[in-house]
Amino acid sequence: MVATRRTGSRIDFLTRGDANPAAESWSVPAGASLGLVVLRVPALGRVTAWLSDRWVRTILLSFAAAVLGTALLRRIWSA
């Protein structure tokens, strides 16, 4: 947040994000409420770190290829 100013029954905000070089201005009524939505997924970082390992990806992709290959062969042989 760059600046906050109260003008009569409104509150004006001037903000600038990390990836936004230009400032943005917006305002809300003085009696309004602002909220923040937060989503937390416990242990998601551990899962992504685990999946970033080369050997884990190789094993998972090999397993997926084996399952897909088996399903395709069953379909071919049953026809």
PDB file of N, CA and C in Angstrom:
ATOM      1  N   MET A   1       0.845  -1.168   0.000  1.00  0.00           N
ATOM      2  CA  MET A   1       0.000   0.000   0.000  1.00  0.00           C
ATOM      3  C   MET A   1       0.896   1.238   0.000  1.00  0.00           C
ATOM      4  N   VAL A   2       0.531   2.158  -0.854  1.00  0.00           N
ATOM      5  CA  VAL A   2       1.328   3.379  -0.973  1.00  0.00           C
ATOM      6  C   VAL A   2       0.744   4.494  -0.112  1.00  0.00           C
ATOM      7  N   ALA A   3      -0.590   4.673  -0.184  1.00  0.00           N
ATOM      8  CA  ALA A   3      -1.204   5.770   0.570  1.00  0.00           C
ATOM      9  C   ALA A   3      -2.669   5.470   0.859  1.00  0.00           C
ATOM     10  N   THR A   4      -3.150   6.075   1.954  1.00  0.00           N
ATOM     11  CA  THR A   4      -4.558   5.997   2.341  1.00  0.00           C
ATOM     12  C   THR A   4      -5.019   7.402   2.682  1.00  0.00           C
ATOM     13  N   ARG A   5      -6.210   7.789   2.204  1.00  0.00           N
ATOM     14  CA  ARG A   5      -6.724   9.133   2.487  1.00  0.00           C
ATOM     15  C   ARG A   5      -8.228   9.056   2.654  1.00  0.00           C
ATOM     16  N   ARG A   6      -8.743   9.734   3.666  1.00  0.00           N
ATOM     17  CA  ARG A   6     -10.187   9.779   3.880  1.00  0.00           C
ATOM     18  C   ARG A   6     -10.733  11.067   3.289  1.00  0.00           C
ATOM     19  N   THR A   7     -11.743  10.916   2.412  1.00  0.00           N
ATOM     20  CA  THR A   7     -12.379  12.066   1.777  1.00  0.00           C
ATOM     21  C   THR A   7     -13.873  11.967   2.035  1.00  0.00           C
ATOM     22  N   GLY A   8     -14.357  12.740   2.988  1.00  0.00           N
ATOM     23  CA  GLY A   8     -15.789  12.700   3.309  1.00  0.00           C
ATOM     24  C   GLY A   8     -16.193  11.324   3.817  1.00  0.00           C
ATOM     25  N   SER A   9     -17.128  10.697   3.118  1.00  0.00           N
ATOM     26  CA  SER A   9     -17.621   9.392   3.551  1.00  0.00           C
ATOM     27  C   SER A   9     -16.928   8.247   2.807  1.00  0.00           C
ATOM     28  N   ARG A  10     -15.814   8.531   2.139  1.00  0.00           N
ATOM     29  CA  ARG A  10     -15.080   7.500   1.386  1.00  0.00           C
ATOM     30  C   ARG A  10     -13.625   7.451   1.856  1.00  0.00           C
ATOM     31  N   ILE A  11     -13.043   6.282   1.714  1.00  0.00           N
ATOM     32  CA  ILE A  11     -11.619   6.113   1.992  1.00  0.00           C
ATOM     33  C   ILE A  11     -10.954   5.732   0.678  1.00  0.00           C
ATOM     34  N   ASP A  12      -9.956   6.511   0.294  1.00  0.00           N
ATOM     35  CA  ASP A  12      -9.242   6.284  -0.959  1.00  0.00           C
ATOM     36  C   ASP A  12      -7.926   5.562  -0.673  1.00  0.00           C
ATOM     37  N   PHE A  13      -7.624   4.582  -1.518  1.00  0.00           N
ATOM     38  CA  PHE A  13      -6.386   3.814  -1.394  1.00  0.00           C
ATOM     39  C   PHE A  13      -5.566   3.966  -2.659  1.00  0.00           C
ATOM     40  N   LEU A  14      -4.279   3.993  -2.499  1.00  0.00           N
ATOM     41  CA  LEU A  14      -3.343   3.989  -3.617  1.00  0.00           C
ATOM     42  C   LEU A  14      -2.405   2.816  -3.362  1.00  0.00           C
ATOM     43  N   THR A  15      -2.463   1.814  -4.241  1.00  0.00           N
ATOM     44  CA  THR A  15      -1.669   0.601  -4.047  1.00  0.00           C
ATOM     45  C   THR A  15      -0.782   0.348  -5.253  1.00  0.00           C
ATOM     46  N   ARG A  16       0.253  -0.441  -5.023  1.00  0.00           N
ATOM     47  CA  ARG A  16       1.144  -0.860  -6.095  1.00  0.00           C
ATOM     48  C   ARG A  16       1.614  -2.266  -5.769  1.00  0.00           C
ATOM     49  N   GLY A  17       1.398  -3.194  -6.694  1.00  0.00           N
ATOM     50  CA  GLY A  17       1.810  -4.578  -6.481  1.00  0.00           C
ATOM     51  C   GLY A  17       3.265  -4.794  -6.838  1.00  0.00           C
ATOM     52  N   ASP A  18       3.771  -5.967  -6.479  1.00  0.00           N
ATOM     53  CA  ASP A  18       5.167  -6.296  -6.762  1.00  0.00           C
ATOM     54  C   ASP A  18       5.441  -6.384  -8.257  1.00  0.00           C
ATOM     55  N   ALA A  19       4.493  -6.940  -9.014  1.00  0.00           N
ATOM     56  CA  ALA A  19       4.699  -7.143 -10.446  1.00  0.00           C
ATOM     57  C   ALA A  19       4.044  -6.046 -11.279  1.00  0.00           C
ATOM     58  N   ASN A  20       3.558  -5.005 -10.638  1.00  0.00           N
ATOM     59  CA  ASN A  20       2.855  -3.944 -11.343  1.00  0.00           C
ATOM     60  C   ASN A  20       3.609  -2.633 -11.125  1.00  0.00           C
ATOM     61  N   PRO A  21       4.227  -2.087 -12.147  1.00  0.00           N
ATOM     62  CA  PRO A  21       4.994  -0.848 -11.963  1.00  0.00           C
ATOM     63  C   PRO A  21       4.111   0.385 -11.779  1.00  0.00           C
ATOM     64  N   ALA A  22       2.853   0.320 -12.216  1.00  0.00           N
ATOM     65  CA  ALA A  22       1.965   1.475 -12.104  1.00  0.00           C
ATOM     66  C   ALA A  22       1.119   1.361 -10.831  1.00  0.00           C
ATOM     67  N   ALA A  23       0.848   2.493 -10.227  1.00  0.00           N
ATOM     68  CA  ALA A  23      -0.001   2.519  -9.039  1.00  0.00           C
ATOM     69  C   ALA A  23      -1.465   2.445  -9.448  1.00  0.00           C
ATOM     70  N   GLU A  24      -2.289   1.836  -8.580  1.00  0.00           N
ATOM     71  CA  GLU A  24      -3.724   1.741  -8.816  1.00  0.00           C
ATOM     72  C   GLU A  24      -4.441   2.427  -7.666  1.00  0.00           C
ATOM     73  N   SER A  25      -5.485   3.165  -7.996  1.00  0.00           N
ATOM     74  CA  SER A  25      -6.253   3.824  -6.946  1.00  0.00           C
ATOM     75  C   SER A  25      -7.666   3.246  -6.922  1.00  0.00           C
ATOM     76  N   TRP A  26      -8.208   3.103  -5.717  1.00  0.00           N
ATOM     77  CA  TRP A  26      -9.569   2.616  -5.544  1.00  0.00           C
ATOM     78  C   TRP A  26     -10.075   3.150  -4.221  1.00  0.00           C
ATOM     79  N   SER A  27     -11.404   3.154  -4.080  1.00  0.00           N
ATOM     80  CA  SER A  27     -11.988   3.698  -2.862  1.00  0.00           C
ATOM     81  C   SER A  27     -13.189   2.868  -2.434  1.00  0.00           C
ATOM     82  N   VAL A  28     -13.503   2.966  -1.154  1.00  0.00           N
ATOM     83  CA  VAL A  28     -14.651   2.258  -0.572  1.00  0.00           C
ATOM     84  C   VAL A  28     -15.370   3.210   0.367  1.00  0.00           C
ATOM     85  N   PRO A  29     -16.656   2.947   0.617  1.00  0.00           N
ATOM     86  CA  PRO A  29     -17.350   3.753   1.622  1.00  0.00           C
ATOM     87  C   PRO A  29     -16.694   3.566   2.988  1.00  0.00           C
ATOM     88  N   ALA A  30     -16.735   4.608   3.818  1.00  0.00           N
ATOM     89  CA  ALA A  30     -16.051   4.562   5.107  1.00  0.00           C
ATOM     90  C   ALA A  30     -16.617   3.475   6.014  1.00  0.00           C
ATOM     91  N   GLY A  31     -17.887   3.111   5.882  1.00  0.00           N
ATOM     92  CA  GLY A  31     -18.478   2.088   6.737  1.00  0.00           C
ATOM     93  C   GLY A  31     -18.330   0.677   6.193  1.00  0.00           C
ATOM     94  N   ALA A  32     -17.720   0.534   5.036  1.00  0.00           N
ATOM     95  CA  ALA A  32     -17.596  -0.790   4.413  1.00  0.00           C
ATOM     96  C   ALA A  32     -16.510  -1.605   5.100  1.00  0.00           C
ATOM     97  N   SER A  33     -16.548  -2.885   4.868  1.00  0.00           N
ATOM     98  CA  SER A  33     -15.504  -3.751   5.418  1.00  0.00           C
ATOM     99  C   SER A  33     -14.724  -4.383   4.274  1.00  0.00           C
ATOM    100  N   LEU A  34     -13.448  -4.550   4.493  1.00  0.00           N
ATOM    101  CA  LEU A  34     -12.571  -5.195   3.524  1.00  0.00           C
ATOM    102  C   LEU A  34     -12.145  -6.534   4.103  1.00  0.00           C
ATOM    103  N   GLY A  35     -11.969  -7.502   3.250  1.00  0.00           N
ATOM    104  CA  GLY A  35     -11.569  -8.821   3.725  1.00  0.00           C
ATOM    105  C   GLY A  35     -10.379  -9.337   2.958  1.00  0.00           C
ATOM    106  N   LEU A  36      -9.811 -10.382   3.478  1.00  0.00           N
ATOM    107  CA  LEU A  36      -8.682 -11.039   2.862  1.00  0.00           C
ATOM    108  C   LEU A  36      -8.984 -12.532   2.845  1.00  0.00           C
ATOM    109  N   VAL A  37      -8.898 -13.140   1.674  1.00  0.00           N
ATOM    110  CA  VAL A  37      -9.153 -14.564   1.550  1.00  0.00           C
ATOM    111  C   VAL A  37      -7.813 -15.282   1.538  1.00  0.00           C
ATOM    112  N   VAL A  38      -7.683 -16.247   2.429  1.00  0.00           N
ATOM    113  CA  VAL A  38      -6.446 -17.011   2.536  1.00  0.00           C
ATOM    114  C   VAL A  38      -6.782 -18.481   2.412  1.00  0.00           C
ATOM    115  N   LEU A  39      -6.054 -19.162   1.567  1.00  0.00           N
ATOM    116  CA  LEU A  39      -6.227 -20.602   1.408  1.00  0.00           C
ATOM    117  C   LEU A  39      -4.923 -21.275   1.781  1.00  0.00           C
ATOM    118  N   ARG A  40      -5.009 -22.191   2.720  1.00  0.00           N
ATOM    119  CA  ARG A  40      -3.819 -22.931   3.128  1.00  0.00           C
ATOM    120  C   ARG A  40      -4.054 -24.402   2.885  1.00  0.00           C
ATOM    121  N   VAL A  41      -3.093 -25.030   2.249  1.00  0.00           N
ATOM    122  CA  VAL A  41      -3.140 -26.466   2.031  1.00  0.00           C
ATOM    123  C   VAL A  41      -1.942 -27.044   2.776  1.00  0.00           C
ATOM    124  N   PRO A  42      -2.197 -27.679   3.924  1.00  0.00           N
ATOM    125  CA  PRO A  42      -1.082 -28.193   4.720  1.00  0.00           C
ATOM    126  C   PRO A  42      -0.243 -29.203   3.942  1.00  0.00           C
ATOM    127  N   ALA A  43       1.044 -29.109   4.080  1.00  0.00           N
ATOM    128  CA  ALA A  43       2.030 -30.033   3.515  1.00  0.00           C
ATOM    129  C   ALA A  43       2.094 -30.017   1.992  1.00  0.00           C
ATOM    130  N   LEU A  44       1.501 -29.042   1.329  1.00  0.00           N
ATOM    131  CA  LEU A  44       1.580 -28.976  -0.132  1.00  0.00           C
ATOM    132  C   LEU A  44       3.019 -28.755  -0.592  1.00  0.00           C
ATOM    133  N   GLY A  45       3.773 -28.000   0.157  1.00  0.00           N
ATOM    134  CA  GLY A  45       5.174 -27.771  -0.180  1.00  0.00           C
ATOM    135  C   GLY A  45       5.982 -29.055  -0.153  1.00  0.00           C
ATOM    136  N   ARG A  46       5.684 -29.924   0.808  1.00  0.00           N
ATOM    137  CA  ARG A  46       6.388 -31.210   0.871  1.00  0.00           C
ATOM    138  C   ARG A  46       6.074 -32.068  -0.337  1.00  0.00           C
ATOM    139  N   VAL A  47       4.796 -32.061  -0.745  1.00  0.00           N
ATOM    140  CA  VAL A  47       4.390 -32.866  -1.899  1.00  0.00           C
ATOM    141  C   VAL A  47       5.067 -32.355  -3.164  1.00  0.00           C
ATOM    142  N   THR A  48       5.074 -31.051  -3.368  1.00  0.00           N
ATOM    143  CA  THR A  48       5.705 -30.507  -4.570  1.00  0.00           C
ATOM    144  C   THR A  48       7.217 -30.731  -4.552  1.00  0.00           C
ATOM    145  N   ALA A  49       7.833 -30.646  -3.392  1.00  0.00           N
ATOM    146  CA  ALA A  49       9.266 -30.925  -3.303  1.00  0.00           C
ATOM    147  C   ALA A  49       9.528 -32.398  -3.615  1.00  0.00           C
ATOM    148  N   TRP A  50       8.664 -33.271  -3.126  1.00  0.00           N
ATOM    149  CA  TRP A  50       8.804 -34.699  -3.383  1.00  0.00           C
ATOM    150  C   TRP A  50       8.632 -34.988  -4.870  1.00  0.00           C
ATOM    151  N   LEU A  51       7.633 -34.332  -5.501  1.00  0.00           N
ATOM    152  CA  LEU A  51       7.391 -34.560  -6.924  1.00  0.00           C
ATOM    153  C   LEU A  51       8.460 -33.932  -7.818  1.00  0.00           C
ATOM    154  N   SER A  52       9.226 -33.001  -7.286  1.00  0.00           N
ATOM    155  CA  SER A  52      10.267 -32.385  -8.102  1.00  0.00           C
ATOM    156  C   SER A  52      11.512 -33.264  -8.201  1.00  0.00           C
ATOM    157  N   ASP A  53      11.570 -34.330  -7.410  1.00  0.00           N
ATOM    158  CA  ASP A  53      12.688 -35.262  -7.486  1.00  0.00           C
ATOM    159  C   ASP A  53      12.630 -36.040  -8.798  1.00  0.00           C
ATOM    160  N   ARG A  54      13.747 -36.141  -9.481  1.00  0.00           N
ATOM    161  CA  ARG A  54      13.805 -36.786 -10.794  1.00  0.00           C
ATOM    162  C   ARG A  54      13.372 -38.243 -10.735  1.00  0.00           C
ATOM    163  N   TRP A  55      13.800 -38.960  -9.723  1.00  0.00           N
ATOM    164  CA  TRP A  55      13.484 -40.390  -9.630  1.00  0.00           C
ATOM    165  C   TRP A  55      12.011 -40.622  -9.327  1.00  0.00           C
ATOM    166  N   VAL A  56      11.426 -39.786  -8.527  1.00  0.00           N
ATOM    167  CA  VAL A  56       9.987 -39.921  -8.227  1.00  0.00           C
ATOM    168  C   VAL A  56       9.177 -39.693  -9.497  1.00  0.00           C
ATOM    169  N   ARG A  57       9.532 -38.660 -10.256  1.00  0.00           N
ATOM    170  CA  ARG A  57       8.834 -38.408 -11.530  1.00  0.00           C
ATOM    171  C   ARG A  57       8.997 -39.569 -12.496  1.00  0.00           C
ATOM    172  N   THR A  58      10.203 -40.136 -12.561  1.00  0.00           N
ATOM    173  CA  THR A  58      10.452 -41.265 -13.452  1.00  0.00           C
ATOM    174  C   THR A  58       9.600 -42.467 -13.061  1.00  0.00           C
ATOM    175  N   ILE A  59       9.534 -42.762 -11.786  1.00  0.00           N
ATOM    176  CA  ILE A  59       8.729 -43.891 -11.311  1.00  0.00           C
ATOM    177  C   ILE A  59       7.249 -43.649 -11.582  1.00  0.00           C
ATOM    178  N   LEU A  60       6.751 -42.454 -11.283  1.00  0.00           N
ATOM    179  CA  LEU A  60       5.326 -42.160 -11.500  1.00  0.00           C
ATOM    180  C   LEU A  60       4.961 -42.194 -12.982  1.00  0.00           C
ATOM    181  N   LEU A  61       5.813 -41.641 -13.837  1.00  0.00           N
ATOM    182  CA  LEU A  61       5.534 -41.672 -15.272  1.00  0.00           C
ATOM    183  C   LEU A  61       5.621 -43.088 -15.827  1.00  0.00           C
ATOM    184  N   SER A  62       6.552 -43.884 -15.323  1.00  0.00           N
ATOM    185  CA  SER A  62       6.647 -45.280 -15.758  1.00  0.00           C
ATOM    186  C   SER A  62       5.404 -46.056 -15.343  1.00  0.00           C
ATOM    187  N   PHE A  63       4.943 -45.822 -14.144  1.00  0.00           N
ATOM    188  CA  PHE A  63       3.726 -46.489 -13.668  1.00  0.00           C
ATOM    189  C   PHE A  63       2.524 -46.088 -14.517  1.00  0.00           C
ATOM    190  N   ALA A  64       2.395 -44.792 -14.800  1.00  0.00           N
ATOM    191  CA  ALA A  64       1.277 -44.315 -15.626  1.00  0.00           C
ATOM    192  C   ALA A  64       1.351 -44.909 -17.030  1.00  0.00           C
ATOM    193  N   ALA A  65       2.552 -45.001 -17.595  1.00  0.00           N
ATOM    194  CA  ALA A  65       2.711 -45.586 -18.923  1.00  0.00           C
ATOM    195  C   ALA A  65       2.355 -47.071 -18.908  1.00  0.00           C
ATOM    196  N   ALA A  66       2.727 -47.773 -17.847  1.00  0.00           N
ATOM    197  CA  ALA A  66       2.405 -49.199 -17.740  1.00  0.00           C
ATOM    198  C   ALA A  66       0.895 -49.409 -17.625  1.00  0.00           C
ATOM    199  N   VAL A  67       0.222 -48.588 -16.831  1.00  0.00           N
ATOM    200  CA  VAL A  67      -1.234 -48.704 -16.689  1.00  0.00           C
ATOM    201  C   VAL A  67      -1.920 -48.393 -18.013  1.00  0.00           C
ATOM    202  N   LEU A  68      -1.502 -47.341 -18.684  1.00  0.00           N
ATOM    203  CA  LEU A  68      -2.095 -46.975 -19.966  1.00  0.00           C
ATOM    204  C   LEU A  68      -1.832 -48.048 -21.021  1.00  0.00           C
ATOM    205  N   GLY A  69      -0.598 -48.561 -21.060  1.00  0.00           N
ATOM    206  CA  GLY A  69      -0.261 -49.608 -22.014  1.00  0.00           C
ATOM    207  C   GLY A  69      -1.075 -50.869 -21.776  1.00  0.00           C
ATOM    208  N   THR A  70      -1.251 -51.252 -20.520  1.00  0.00           N
ATOM    209  CA  THR A  70      -2.063 -52.423 -20.187  1.00  0.00           C
ATOM    210  C   THR A  70      -3.503 -52.226 -20.617  1.00  0.00           C
ATOM    211  N   ALA A  71      -4.046 -51.052 -20.354  1.00  0.00           N
ATOM    212  CA  ALA A  71      -5.431 -50.773 -20.752  1.00  0.00           C
ATOM    213  C   ALA A  71      -5.588 -50.820 -22.265  1.00  0.00           C
ATOM    214  N   LEU A  72      -4.627 -50.270 -22.994  1.00  0.00           N
ATOM    215  CA  LEU A  72      -4.714 -50.292 -24.458  1.00  0.00           C
ATOM    216  C   LEU A  72      -4.572 -51.711 -25.012  1.00  0.00           C
ATOM    217  N   LEU A  73      -3.656 -52.502 -24.461  1.00  0.00           N
ATOM    218  CA  LEU A  73      -3.498 -53.884 -24.914  1.00  0.00           C
ATOM    219  C   LEU A  73      -4.753 -54.724 -24.628  1.00  0.00           C
ATOM    220  N   ARG A  74      -5.364 -54.535 -23.481  1.00  0.00           N
ATOM    221  CA  ARG A  74      -6.606 -55.246 -23.160  1.00  0.00           C
ATOM    222  C   ARG A  74      -7.694 -54.888 -24.157  1.00  0.00           C
ATOM    223  N   ARG A  75      -7.744 -53.608 -24.514  1.00  0.00           N
ATOM    224  CA  ARG A  75      -8.782 -53.167 -25.467  1.00  0.00           C
ATOM    225  C   ARG A  75      -8.534 -53.779 -26.850  1.00  0.00           C
ATOM    226  N   ILE A  76      -7.273 -53.820 -27.264  1.00  0.00           N
ATOM    227  CA  ILE A  76      -6.926 -54.396 -28.570  1.00  0.00           C
ATOM    228  C   ILE A  76      -7.236 -55.901 -28.579  1.00  0.00           C
ATOM    229  N   TRP A  77      -6.813 -56.609 -27.540  1.00  0.00           N
ATOM    230  CA  TRP A  77      -6.963 -58.067 -27.497  1.00  0.00           C
ATOM    231  C   TRP A  77      -8.419 -58.494 -27.318  1.00  0.00           C
ATOM    232  N   SER A  78      -9.249 -57.655 -26.706  1.00  0.00           N
ATOM    233  CA  SER A  78     -10.645 -58.030 -26.505  1.00  0.00           C
ATOM    234  C   SER A  78     -11.503 -57.764 -27.742  1.00  0.00           C
ATOM    235  N   ALA A  79     -10.974 -57.033 -28.705  1.00  0.00           N
ATOM    236  CA  ALA A  79     -11.761 -56.697 -29.900  1.00  0.00           C
ATOM    237  C   ALA A  79     -11.777 -57.813 -30.914  1.00  0.00           C
TER     238      ALA A  79
END
